Protein backbone atom coordinates (compact mmCIF):
# COMPACT_ATOMS: atom_id res chain seq x y z
CA MET A 1 92.19 112.21 18.76
CA ILE A 2 92.23 108.46 19.27
CA GLY A 3 95.91 107.66 18.83
CA SER A 4 97.33 104.22 19.41
CA GLY A 5 96.41 101.75 22.09
CA TRP A 6 92.64 101.65 21.55
CA MET A 7 90.43 98.62 20.98
CA ILE A 8 87.69 99.75 18.61
CA LYS A 9 84.67 97.64 17.68
CA PRO A 10 82.26 98.53 14.88
CA VAL A 11 78.51 98.83 15.42
CA ALA A 12 76.73 96.26 13.25
CA GLY A 13 74.91 97.74 10.29
CA SER A 14 76.89 100.99 10.36
CA ASN A 15 80.13 101.97 8.73
CA ILE A 16 80.48 105.20 10.74
CA LYS A 17 79.72 104.19 14.37
CA PHE A 18 82.05 102.44 16.81
CA PHE A 19 82.64 101.79 20.51
CA GLY A 20 86.17 102.18 21.81
CA ILE A 21 88.11 101.47 24.99
CA PRO A 22 91.71 102.65 25.45
CA SER A 23 94.03 99.76 26.22
CA ARG A 24 96.79 101.90 27.71
CA SER A 25 95.23 104.40 30.06
CA SER A 26 95.19 105.00 33.78
CA THR A 27 91.52 106.02 33.48
CA PRO A 28 89.90 103.56 31.06
CA ALA A 29 86.57 104.50 29.57
CA VAL A 30 83.90 103.29 27.18
CA THR A 31 83.62 105.82 24.38
CA PRO A 32 81.10 105.87 21.52
CA ILE A 33 82.84 107.16 18.39
CA SER A 34 81.35 108.26 15.07
CA LEU A 35 83.04 108.94 11.78
CA ASP A 36 81.91 112.08 10.02
CA GLY A 37 80.78 110.71 6.66
CA ALA A 38 81.45 114.00 4.86
CA ASN A 39 85.16 114.38 5.59
CA GLY A 40 86.20 111.20 7.43
CA THR A 41 87.11 112.78 10.78
CA PHE A 42 86.38 111.07 14.08
CA LEU A 43 83.73 112.52 16.39
CA GLN A 44 84.13 111.35 19.96
CA GLY A 45 81.07 110.98 22.14
CA LYS A 46 80.49 110.92 25.89
CA LYS A 47 82.84 108.80 27.96
CA ALA A 48 81.87 106.54 30.82
CA LEU A 49 84.72 107.05 33.26
CA GLU A 50 84.22 104.31 35.79
CA PRO A 51 87.67 103.13 36.95
CA GLU A 52 86.13 100.92 39.64
CA LEU A 53 84.59 98.79 36.86
CA ASP A 54 88.07 97.71 35.70
CA PHE A 55 87.49 98.23 31.98
CA ASN A 56 89.60 95.94 29.87
CA SER A 57 89.93 96.58 26.16
CA TYR A 58 90.21 92.84 25.55
CA ILE A 59 86.88 92.07 27.26
CA PHE A 60 84.21 93.89 25.33
CA GLU A 61 81.76 93.25 22.51
CA VAL A 62 79.06 95.28 20.81
CA PHE A 63 75.56 93.77 20.80
CA PRO A 64 74.30 92.66 17.36
CA ASP A 65 71.73 95.49 17.33
CA GLY A 66 74.52 98.04 17.87
CA LYS A 67 72.65 99.76 20.70
CA GLN A 68 74.59 98.30 23.63
CA MET A 69 77.97 96.90 24.52
CA ILE A 70 79.17 94.54 27.24
CA THR A 71 82.50 94.86 29.01
CA THR A 72 84.61 94.19 32.12
CA SER A 73 85.09 90.98 34.02
CA GLY A 74 81.77 91.80 35.73
CA GLY A 75 79.82 91.84 32.44
CA TYR A 76 78.56 95.42 32.67
CA ILE A 77 76.29 96.55 29.85
CA PHE A 78 76.21 100.13 28.55
CA ASP A 79 73.90 101.63 25.94
CA ASP A 80 75.04 103.80 23.07
CA ALA A 81 74.67 106.91 25.27
CA VAL A 82 77.14 105.23 27.69
CA SER A 83 74.53 104.78 30.41
CA TYR A 84 74.81 101.70 32.61
CA ASN A 85 72.19 99.18 31.54
CA GLY A 86 72.65 96.23 33.91
CA LYS A 87 74.59 92.98 33.74
CA PRO A 88 73.88 89.29 33.29
CA ALA A 89 72.15 87.57 36.21
CA GLY A 90 74.27 86.15 38.98
CA ASP A 91 77.38 87.23 40.81
CA GLY A 92 80.91 85.98 41.08
CA TYR A 93 81.62 85.60 37.38
CA ALA A 94 85.06 86.72 36.24
CA PHE A 95 84.38 87.12 32.52
CA THR A 96 87.27 86.88 30.09
CA CYS A 97 85.37 87.35 26.79
CA PHE A 98 81.93 87.58 25.22
CA THR A 99 80.08 86.68 22.03
CA PHE A 100 76.47 86.56 20.90
CA ASP A 101 74.26 83.76 19.64
CA LYS A 102 72.08 85.85 17.30
CA GLU A 103 69.85 82.91 16.38
CA ASN A 104 68.85 82.23 19.99
CA ASN A 105 69.15 85.86 21.17
CA GLN A 106 71.74 85.00 23.83
CA ILE A 107 74.93 86.40 25.36
CA LEU A 108 77.76 83.92 25.92
CA GLY A 109 80.47 84.85 28.41
CA GLY A 110 83.70 82.93 28.92
CA THR A 111 84.98 82.95 32.51
CA ALA A 112 88.28 82.54 34.35
CA ASN A 113 86.75 79.42 35.98
CA LYS A 114 86.80 77.53 32.66
CA THR A 115 83.10 77.92 31.97
CA ILE A 116 81.02 79.58 29.29
CA GLU A 117 77.88 81.05 30.76
CA VAL A 118 74.83 81.62 28.54
CA PHE A 119 72.30 84.38 29.26
CA THR A 120 69.22 85.74 27.51
CA VAL A 121 69.79 89.13 25.89
CA SER A 122 66.43 90.56 26.93
CA GLY A 123 66.12 89.38 30.53
CA LYS A 124 69.77 88.66 31.15
CA SER A 125 68.73 85.51 32.99
CA HIS A 126 71.05 82.49 33.09
CA VAL A 127 70.22 79.77 30.54
CA LYS A 128 73.03 77.19 30.78
CA THR A 129 76.74 76.55 31.27
CA TYR A 130 79.31 74.94 28.98
CA TYR A 131 82.51 73.46 30.42
CA PRO A 132 85.52 73.88 28.11
CA LYS A 133 88.92 72.50 29.08
CA LEU A 134 90.49 75.93 28.63
CA VAL A 135 90.04 79.41 30.09
CA PRO A 136 88.27 81.19 27.18
CA VAL A 137 90.11 84.12 25.61
CA ARG A 138 87.80 84.50 22.59
CA ILE A 139 84.64 82.56 21.73
CA PHE A 140 82.77 82.30 18.44
CA ILE A 141 79.85 80.35 17.05
CA ILE A 142 80.49 78.76 13.67
CA HIS A 143 78.17 76.15 12.09
CA SER A 144 76.49 75.11 15.38
CA LYS A 145 79.85 74.78 17.11
CA LEU A 146 81.21 76.90 19.90
CA VAL A 147 84.82 77.71 19.03
CA VAL A 148 86.90 78.46 22.11
CA ILE A 149 90.31 80.05 21.80
CA GLY A 150 91.69 79.60 25.27
CA THR A 151 94.61 79.30 27.62
CA THR A 152 95.36 76.96 30.48
CA SER A 153 95.62 79.63 33.17
CA PRO A 154 93.65 82.79 34.01
CA GLN A 155 96.84 84.22 35.52
CA GLN A 156 98.15 84.76 31.99
CA PHE A 157 95.73 87.70 31.65
CA ASP A 158 96.44 91.25 32.64
CA ARG A 159 94.94 94.63 31.90
CA TRP A 160 97.54 95.41 29.22
CA GLY A 161 97.26 92.26 27.16
CA GLY A 162 96.00 88.80 26.58
CA PRO A 163 97.59 85.42 27.17
CA LYS A 164 100.97 84.41 25.83
CA THR A 165 99.91 80.96 24.55
CA VAL A 166 96.53 79.69 23.34
CA ALA A 167 94.84 76.55 22.01
CA ILE A 168 91.56 75.96 20.16
CA GLU A 169 88.66 73.82 21.36
CA PHE A 170 85.33 73.00 19.70
CA ILE A 171 82.10 72.36 21.65
CA ASP A 172 78.81 71.17 20.13
CA LEU A 173 75.94 73.53 20.85
């Protein structure tokens, strides 16, 4: 049912629920997926077919509560029924990756403009901006440090894959 070429992210606190986005499809979609605990088969849920949103399987994360996910360079948020649920405040961001600061209840989004934008999870209002030296590809929080895996150019990104070369940068939170 799923085949190859999917990016699948687990829902926190569950070992049978996932969100998936196909990485090689002309009609990308967000798809909630469940594993049947009795026999281990995949059960595919409703798809959100929104080609104009430019889904990218490399740009999506599941919220820590497992009830929403954030995706696309526009930062669109969908709930677990695949209904559109808004986006972080502001326009003009070209997001390249996301992570969550669970302690402060915040969304962090790396952008093609070499910034990391911080938003509240509840109100999605802008909190602050960090300025890494790299275009973020993946971001993590480890021991009060923002770990940025990045590249020097946003042009290294495309819908079918990530950058060819990366470096690591650490930023104090």
